[in-house]
């Protein structure tokens, strides 16, 4: 170490260097029902529900679906839908839409199957906050209840929500692991000296044989990180020297949705169906729903069996299934065939909203 380094000033050895931002392993005690929580950053162990909270499906049970009527679209409705569509496209003229001649309106039977699983998940992790004399709900008041025994108010069904609560009787006060209970930590950039070597003259006090104007010839400058004190207030306990540790329970309610639409019309992009609604002529709702059987469209029956099994396998081991709902919608789809200026064209009217998709639209002066 050079003389100039030594001249930067002495530092207080009682002020510790910064410790870890999270409590080290073994810093916190185990709480019954929450074993294995080390308190490290990013940890959020899953708390699987006990068997009593997991609904079990009945064997060989199925659901029947009533018959359904296929909707039709009139020429007036189809023309009006096309005019509204053309009005949103500045390159298109409304003349072809007004003067076209319909050849045929072909209704296409399209069913959309939807399965919703509304489930509750619970995870827990150690958290801490500066201790400033607030009440400490510790183990002296009793054992902490298991994760799934802590009562929560259910949100509106099928609505997503996250709530965080403190686990009762899990709190404990310990010295801050960042500053070892000092309330402040040594400034890293100046190594606790309060001053740093001048970067303009490199600590010599002179630059180009002249007195350094940056440090006024002293060769060192006050550290801007600690304002010359040589230490900083601990960023974890904010100077309180102690931390209140507690287990935080995170409860997540989420509605998981899976959709299936059979590909019935290769000329129509199925993703367009995501933008529209259909007629939900069948809605089946229970804690657990069962595969659909006897429906005219076997692909819907197969999708029902597949998705129900997938949801059951995915959620039953990690979450509490609160409710399931399966829906079959009849999504209107009509293939409109028409002629204009002696040429054949077509477009699709889809959804209850009567939206339009067309791959090709005639120009107003088309003579091809």
Protein backbone atom coordinates (compact mmCIF):
# COMPACT_ATOMS: atom_id res chain seq x y z
CA UNK A 1 0.00 0.00 0.00
CA UNK A 2 1.39 3.44 -0.96
CA UNK A 3 1.77 6.40 1.39
CA UNK A 4 -0.97 8.20 -0.50
CA UNK A 5 -3.36 5.31 0.18
CA UNK A 6 -2.47 5.44 3.88
CA UNK A 7 -3.03 9.21 3.97
CA UNK A 8 -6.66 8.83 2.90
CA UNK A 9 -7.60 8.51 6.57
CA UNK A 10 -8.38 5.91 9.18
CA UNK A 11 -11.67 4.12 9.34
CA UNK A 12 -13.77 2.86 12.22
CA UNK A 13 -13.13 -0.91 12.49
CA UNK A 14 -16.33 -1.32 14.51
CA UNK A 15 -18.43 -0.56 11.46
CA UNK A 16 -18.83 -3.86 9.57
CA UNK A 17 -18.76 -4.45 5.85
CA UNK A 18 -22.08 -5.18 4.21
CA UNK A 19 -23.36 -8.69 4.87
CA UNK A 20 -25.69 -10.75 2.66
CA UNK A 21 -28.98 -9.17 1.58
CA UNK A 22 -30.88 -12.29 2.69
CA UNK A 23 -30.49 -14.23 5.96
CA UNK A 24 -27.90 -17.02 5.63
CA UNK A 25 -28.86 -20.67 5.95
CA UNK A 26 -29.67 -21.64 9.51
CA UNK A 27 -30.31 -18.03 10.56
CA UNK A 28 -33.99 -18.72 11.24
CA UNK A 29 -35.61 -21.53 13.18
CA UNK A 30 -38.02 -24.08 11.72
CA UNK A 31 -41.73 -23.50 12.23
CA UNK A 32 -43.95 -26.58 12.41
CA UNK A 33 -45.78 -27.02 9.12
CA UNK A 34 -43.30 -24.76 7.31
CA UNK A 35 -40.10 -26.79 7.59
CA UNK A 36 -37.40 -26.26 5.03
CA UNK A 37 -37.87 -22.49 4.72
CA UNK A 38 -34.35 -21.08 4.78
CA UNK A 39 -35.35 -17.47 4.28
CA UNK A 40 -33.25 -17.03 1.15
CA UNK A 41 -34.12 -14.67 -1.67
CA UNK A 42 -36.47 -16.01 -4.32
CA UNK A 43 -37.70 -18.92 -2.21
CA UNK A 44 -41.44 -19.46 -2.21
CA UNK A 45 -42.09 -23.15 -1.40
CA UNK A 46 -45.38 -24.62 -2.56
CA UNK A 47 -47.77 -25.87 0.11
CA UNK A 48 -49.77 -28.75 -1.45
CA UNK A 49 -53.28 -29.10 0.01
CA UNK A 50 -53.91 -32.04 2.35
CA UNK A 51 -56.01 -34.93 0.94
CA UNK A 52 -59.14 -33.68 2.69
CA UNK A 53 -59.03 -30.55 0.51
CA UNK A 54 -58.68 -32.45 -2.77
CA UNK A 55 -61.95 -33.47 -4.49
CA UNK A 56 -61.96 -36.96 -5.99
CA UNK A 57 -63.78 -37.74 -9.26
CA UNK A 58 -66.42 -40.45 -9.42
CA UNK A 59 -65.56 -43.35 -11.69
CA UNK A 60 -67.29 -43.89 -15.05
CA UNK A 61 -69.39 -40.75 -14.77
CA UNK A 62 -70.22 -38.68 -17.85
CA UNK A 63 -72.32 -35.71 -18.96
CA UNK A 64 -74.99 -35.60 -21.68
CA UNK A 65 -75.60 -32.59 -23.92
CA UNK A 66 -78.96 -31.48 -25.40
CA UNK A 67 -79.55 -31.09 -29.12
CA UNK A 68 -78.80 -27.73 -30.70
CA UNK A 69 -80.18 -25.77 -33.65
CA UNK A 70 -77.73 -24.44 -36.25
CA UNK A 71 -78.18 -20.66 -36.78
CA UNK A 72 -78.52 -19.18 -40.26
CA UNK A 73 -77.55 -15.78 -41.68
CA UNK A 74 -79.79 -13.96 -44.18
CA UNK A 75 -78.51 -12.12 -47.24
CA UNK A 76 -79.37 -8.77 -45.65
CA UNK A 77 -77.36 -9.61 -42.53
CA UNK A 78 -74.41 -10.86 -44.60
CA UNK A 79 -74.42 -7.75 -46.83
CA UNK A 80 -74.66 -5.43 -43.81
CA UNK A 81 -71.78 -7.22 -42.11
CA UNK A 82 -69.63 -6.90 -45.24
CA UNK A 83 -70.44 -3.17 -45.57
CA UNK A 84 -69.35 -2.57 -41.97
CA UNK A 85 -66.16 -4.52 -42.62
CA UNK A 86 -65.40 -2.58 -45.83
CA UNK A 87 -65.98 0.69 -43.97
CA UNK A 88 -62.94 -0.12 -41.77
CA UNK A 89 -60.67 -0.67 -44.79
CA UNK A 90 -59.70 2.56 -46.54
CA UNK A 91 -58.50 0.66 -49.63
CA UNK A 92 -61.88 -1.01 -50.16
CA UNK A 93 -64.82 0.52 -51.94
CA UNK A 94 -68.36 -0.13 -50.70
CA UNK A 95 -69.66 -0.41 -54.27
CA UNK A 96 -68.99 -4.17 -54.65
CA UNK A 97 -70.60 -4.88 -51.27
CA UNK A 98 -73.73 -2.93 -52.28
CA UNK A 99 -74.04 -4.41 -55.76
CA UNK A 100 -72.84 -8.00 -55.40
CA UNK A 101 -75.13 -10.94 -56.14
CA UNK A 102 -75.26 -13.76 -53.63
CA UNK A 103 -75.00 -17.28 -55.01
CA UNK A 104 -75.20 -19.26 -51.78
CA UNK A 105 -74.94 -18.87 -48.02
CA UNK A 106 -73.38 -21.99 -46.51
CA UNK A 107 -73.74 -22.33 -42.71
CA UNK A 108 -70.84 -24.20 -41.10
CA UNK A 109 -71.35 -25.98 -37.78
CA UNK A 110 -68.59 -24.88 -35.42
CA UNK A 111 -68.53 -25.78 -31.72
CA UNK A 112 -66.14 -24.30 -29.20
CA UNK A 113 -65.45 -26.33 -26.08
CA UNK A 114 -64.13 -24.49 -23.03
CA UNK A 115 -62.99 -25.92 -19.70
CA UNK A 116 -62.38 -23.64 -16.73
CA UNK A 117 -60.75 -24.78 -13.51
CA UNK A 118 -60.86 -22.33 -10.63
CA UNK A 119 -58.15 -23.29 -8.14
CA UNK A 120 -56.47 -21.95 -5.02
CA UNK A 121 -52.72 -22.26 -4.49
CA UNK A 122 -50.79 -21.50 -1.30
CA UNK A 123 -47.07 -20.79 -1.01
CA UNK A 124 -45.05 -19.47 1.92
CA UNK A 125 -41.70 -17.82 2.53
CA UNK A 126 -39.82 -15.95 5.23
CA UNK A 127 -40.01 -12.17 5.04
CA UNK A 128 -38.59 -9.43 7.25
CA UNK A 129 -38.99 -5.74 8.04
CA UNK A 130 -37.11 -3.27 10.28
CA UNK A 131 -38.05 -3.78 13.91
CA UNK A 132 -39.04 -0.53 15.60
CA UNK A 133 -40.83 -1.83 18.67
CA UNK A 134 -43.97 -3.12 16.94
CA UNK A 135 -45.91 -6.05 18.40
CA UNK A 136 -44.31 -9.46 17.87
CA UNK A 137 -46.74 -12.34 17.33
CA UNK A 138 -44.30 -15.12 18.14
CA UNK A 139 -44.44 -18.78 19.20
CA UNK A 140 -45.06 -17.73 22.82
CA UNK A 141 -48.69 -17.23 21.74
CA UNK A 142 -49.08 -20.74 20.35
CA UNK A 143 -48.18 -22.91 17.40
CA UNK A 144 -48.50 -21.55 13.88
CA UNK A 145 -51.49 -23.06 12.05
CA UNK A 146 -50.69 -25.15 8.94
CA UNK A 147 -50.91 -23.27 5.62
CA UNK A 148 -54.34 -24.63 4.66
CA UNK A 149 -55.83 -24.03 8.12
CA UNK A 150 -55.48 -20.25 7.84
CA UNK A 151 -58.95 -18.91 6.93
CA UNK A 152 -59.27 -16.71 3.85
CA UNK A 153 -62.24 -14.92 2.33
CA UNK A 154 -62.89 -16.35 -1.13
CA UNK A 155 -63.08 -13.82 -3.98
CA UNK A 156 -65.83 -13.81 -6.56
CA UNK A 157 -65.78 -17.16 -8.31
CA UNK A 158 -63.61 -17.40 -11.45
CA UNK A 159 -61.89 -14.07 -10.67
CA UNK A 160 -58.09 -13.99 -10.35
CA UNK A 161 -56.67 -12.57 -7.12
CA UNK A 162 -53.54 -12.75 -4.94
CA UNK A 163 -53.45 -12.07 -1.20
CA UNK A 164 -50.51 -12.09 1.21
CA UNK A 165 -50.97 -12.67 4.95
CA UNK A 166 -48.66 -13.22 7.89
CA UNK A 167 -48.74 -16.66 9.42
CA UNK A 168 -49.88 -16.27 13.05
CA UNK A 169 -47.26 -16.87 15.77
CA UNK A 170 -44.38 -17.11 13.27
CA UNK A 171 -42.69 -13.77 14.09
CA UNK A 172 -39.26 -13.47 15.68
CA UNK A 173 -36.84 -10.55 16.25
CA UNK A 174 -33.17 -11.02 15.37
CA UNK A 175 -30.13 -8.81 14.80
CA UNK A 176 -29.90 -7.50 11.26
CA UNK A 177 -27.84 -9.90 9.15
CA UNK A 178 -26.72 -7.10 6.82
CA UNK A 179 -25.01 -4.92 9.43
CA UNK A 180 -24.64 -7.42 12.29
CA UNK A 181 -26.86 -5.23 14.44
CA UNK A 182 -24.75 -2.08 14.01
CA UNK A 183 -27.37 -0.11 12.09
CA UNK A 184 -24.82 1.03 9.54
CA UNK A 185 -22.30 -0.52 7.18
CA UNK A 186 -18.88 0.51 5.95
CA UNK A 187 -18.95 2.45 2.70
CA UNK A 188 -17.61 0.20 -0.03
CA UNK A 189 -16.39 2.76 -2.59
CA UNK A 190 -14.14 4.57 -0.08
CA UNK A 191 -13.49 1.52 2.17
CA UNK A 192 -14.81 3.42 5.17
CA UNK A 193 -12.33 6.30 4.94
CA UNK A 194 -14.78 8.97 3.84
CA UNK A 195 -12.43 10.14 1.11
CA UNK A 196 -11.36 8.82 -2.25
CA UNK A 197 -8.27 9.44 -4.32
CA UNK A 198 -8.79 12.24 -6.84
CA UNK A 199 -9.29 10.74 -10.27
CA UNK A 200 -8.00 13.85 -12.07
CA UNK A 201 -4.54 14.01 -10.51
CA UNK A 202 -4.47 10.36 -9.33
CA UNK A 203 -3.80 11.49 -5.76
CA UNK A 204 -0.73 13.63 -6.53
CA UNK A 205 -2.42 16.99 -5.90
CA UNK A 206 -0.95 18.39 -9.09
CA UNK A 207 -1.79 17.96 -12.74
CA UNK A 208 0.52 19.14 -15.53
CA UNK A 209 2.74 20.82 -12.93
CA UNK A 210 -0.18 22.83 -11.66
CA UNK A 211 -2.26 22.58 -8.57
CA UNK A 212 -5.18 20.22 -9.24
CA UNK A 213 -8.35 22.28 -9.50
CA UNK A 214 -10.57 19.29 -8.79
CA UNK A 215 -9.20 18.42 -5.33
CA UNK A 216 -7.55 21.82 -4.64
CA UNK A 217 -4.18 20.14 -4.32
CA UNK A 218 -5.16 17.72 -1.56
CA UNK A 219 -4.98 14.59 -3.73
CA UNK A 220 -8.25 13.27 -2.33
CA UNK A 221 -11.93 14.20 -2.40
CA UNK A 222 -14.88 13.59 -0.18
CA UNK A 223 -16.67 10.34 -1.04
CA UNK A 224 -19.94 11.16 -2.76
CA UNK A 225 -21.47 7.82 -1.78
CA UNK A 226 -21.32 8.39 1.99
CA UNK A 227 -20.85 12.19 1.99
CA UNK A 228 -17.53 11.75 3.74
CA UNK A 229 -18.83 9.81 6.75
CA UNK A 230 -17.18 6.53 5.84
CA UNK A 231 -20.38 4.58 6.47
CA UNK A 232 -23.93 4.29 5.22
CA UNK A 233 -27.15 3.62 7.06
CA UNK A 234 -27.95 -0.07 6.68
CA UNK A 235 -30.20 -0.53 3.67
CA UNK A 236 -31.95 -3.54 5.22
CA UNK A 237 -32.81 -2.48 8.79
CA UNK A 238 -32.67 1.28 8.00
CA UNK A 239 -30.65 1.84 11.15
CA UNK A 240 -32.96 0.03 13.55
CA UNK A 241 -30.31 -2.70 14.13
CA UNK A 242 -32.98 -5.43 14.44
CA UNK A 243 -35.31 -7.16 12.03
CA UNK A 244 -38.75 -8.67 12.56
CA UNK A 245 -38.88 -11.96 10.65
CA UNK A 246 -42.19 -13.68 9.86
CA UNK A 247 -43.58 -16.29 7.48
CA UNK A 248 -45.69 -14.80 4.73
CA UNK A 249 -48.42 -16.91 3.14
CA UNK A 250 -49.29 -16.10 -0.46
CA UNK A 251 -52.72 -17.27 -1.56
CA UNK A 252 -53.42 -17.25 -5.29
CA UNK A 253 -56.83 -17.78 -6.86
CA UNK A 254 -56.65 -18.33 -10.60
CA UNK A 255 -59.06 -19.39 -13.30
CA UNK A 256 -57.28 -21.59 -15.83
CA UNK A 257 -59.04 -21.73 -19.21
CA UNK A 258 -58.55 -24.23 -22.03
CA UNK A 259 -60.35 -23.93 -25.38
CA UNK A 260 -60.81 -26.33 -28.28
CA UNK A 261 -62.35 -25.67 -31.70
CA UNK A 262 -62.40 -28.39 -34.39
CA UNK A 263 -61.03 -27.28 -37.76
CA UNK A 264 -64.18 -27.29 -39.88
CA UNK A 265 -63.28 -24.85 -42.66
CA UNK A 266 -59.69 -24.93 -43.99
CA UNK A 267 -60.15 -21.57 -45.77
CA UNK A 268 -61.02 -19.83 -42.49
CA UNK A 269 -58.25 -19.09 -39.90
CA UNK A 270 -59.34 -20.59 -36.58
CA UNK A 271 -57.56 -17.86 -34.57
CA UNK A 272 -60.27 -15.46 -35.72
CA UNK A 273 -62.67 -17.27 -33.37
CA UNK A 274 -60.71 -15.91 -30.41
CA UNK A 275 -62.04 -12.43 -31.22
CA UNK A 276 -65.74 -13.33 -31.07
CA UNK A 277 -68.33 -14.93 -28.83
CA UNK A 278 -70.74 -17.74 -29.51
CA UNK A 279 -74.02 -19.03 -28.13
CA UNK A 280 -73.26 -21.03 -24.93
CA UNK A 281 -76.09 -23.54 -25.29
CA UNK A 282 -74.53 -25.95 -22.79
CA UNK A 283 -72.99 -25.01 -19.42
CA UNK A 284 -72.05 -27.64 -16.86
CA UNK A 285 -70.67 -26.45 -13.51
CA UNK A 286 -69.60 -28.35 -10.40
CA UNK A 287 -66.62 -28.87 -8.11
CA UNK A 288 -65.53 -31.46 -10.67
CA UNK A 289 -67.08 -31.85 -14.11
CA UNK A 290 -67.13 -35.08 -16.10
CA UNK A 291 -66.39 -35.94 -19.74
CA UNK A 292 -69.11 -35.28 -22.28
CA UNK A 293 -70.57 -38.29 -24.05
CA UNK A 294 -73.15 -38.75 -26.79
CA UNK A 295 -72.57 -35.34 -28.40
CA UNK A 296 -72.88 -35.42 -32.23
CA UNK A 297 -69.37 -34.02 -32.67
CA UNK A 298 -67.02 -36.74 -31.40
CA UNK A 299 -64.06 -34.33 -31.44
CA UNK A 300 -65.80 -32.29 -28.72
CA UNK A 301 -66.28 -35.45 -26.62
CA UNK A 302 -62.63 -36.38 -27.06
CA UNK A 303 -61.48 -32.86 -26.19
CA UNK A 304 -63.65 -32.87 -23.07
CA UNK A 305 -62.11 -36.14 -21.84
CA UNK A 306 -58.57 -35.00 -22.65
CA UNK A 307 -58.76 -31.54 -21.06
CA UNK A 308 -60.59 -32.71 -17.92
CA UNK A 309 -57.90 -35.32 -17.30
CA UNK A 310 -55.15 -32.78 -17.99
CA UNK A 311 -56.61 -30.23 -15.55
CA UNK A 312 -57.14 -32.86 -12.87
CA UNK A 313 -53.56 -34.10 -13.14
CA UNK A 314 -52.13 -30.58 -13.27
CA UNK A 315 -53.99 -29.01 -10.36
CA UNK A 316 -55.05 -31.73 -7.93
CA UNK A 317 -51.53 -32.32 -6.56
CA UNK A 318 -50.52 -28.67 -6.14
CA UNK A 319 -53.75 -26.71 -5.72
CA UNK A 320 -57.22 -26.92 -4.28
CA UNK A 321 -59.81 -27.15 -7.04
CA UNK A 322 -62.74 -24.98 -5.98
CA UNK A 323 -64.95 -25.20 -9.05
CA UNK A 324 -64.95 -26.35 -12.66
CA UNK A 325 -67.10 -25.25 -15.56
CA UNK A 326 -67.33 -26.70 -19.06
CA UNK A 327 -69.12 -24.90 -21.83
CA UNK A 328 -70.05 -25.71 -25.42
CA UNK A 329 -70.68 -22.70 -27.60
CA UNK A 330 -72.13 -22.73 -31.07
CA UNK A 331 -70.00 -20.18 -32.90
CA UNK A 332 -71.84 -18.86 -35.98
CA UNK A 333 -69.88 -19.25 -39.22
CA UNK A 334 -71.37 -18.69 -42.67
CA UNK A 335 -69.49 -18.98 -45.96
CA UNK A 336 -71.04 -16.40 -48.30
CA UNK A 337 -70.48 -17.09 -52.03
CA UNK A 338 -71.20 -14.23 -54.45
CA UNK A 339 -70.51 -12.80 -57.89
CA UNK A 340 -69.46 -9.29 -58.87
CA UNK A 341 -68.73 -8.07 -62.39
CA UNK A 342 -68.94 -11.64 -63.63
CA UNK A 343 -66.36 -13.02 -61.20
CA UNK A 344 -66.75 -15.32 -58.22
CA UNK A 345 -65.78 -14.23 -54.71
CA UNK A 346 -66.56 -15.24 -51.15
CA UNK A 347 -66.30 -14.10 -47.54
CA UNK A 348 -67.05 -15.47 -44.08
CA UNK A 349 -69.42 -14.06 -41.46
CA UNK A 350 -68.47 -15.34 -37.99
CA UNK A 351 -69.34 -14.92 -34.35
CA UNK A 352 -72.42 -13.48 -32.66
CA UNK A 353 -70.91 -10.09 -33.55
CA UNK A 354 -71.17 -10.89 -37.30
CA UNK A 355 -67.54 -10.11 -38.04
CA UNK A 356 -66.22 -10.63 -41.55
CA UNK A 357 -63.12 -12.32 -42.92
CA UNK A 358 -62.26 -12.27 -46.60
CA UNK A 359 -59.05 -13.31 -48.32
CA UNK A 360 -59.95 -11.40 -51.50
CA UNK A 361 -62.24 -8.45 -52.18
CA UNK A 362 -63.08 -7.03 -55.63
CA UNK A 363 -62.14 -3.51 -56.60
CA UNK A 364 -64.96 -1.11 -57.53
CA UNK A 365 -63.96 -1.15 -61.20
CA UNK A 366 -63.17 -4.85 -61.45
CA UNK A 367 -63.61 -6.15 -65.01
CA UNK A 368 -61.42 -9.26 -64.70
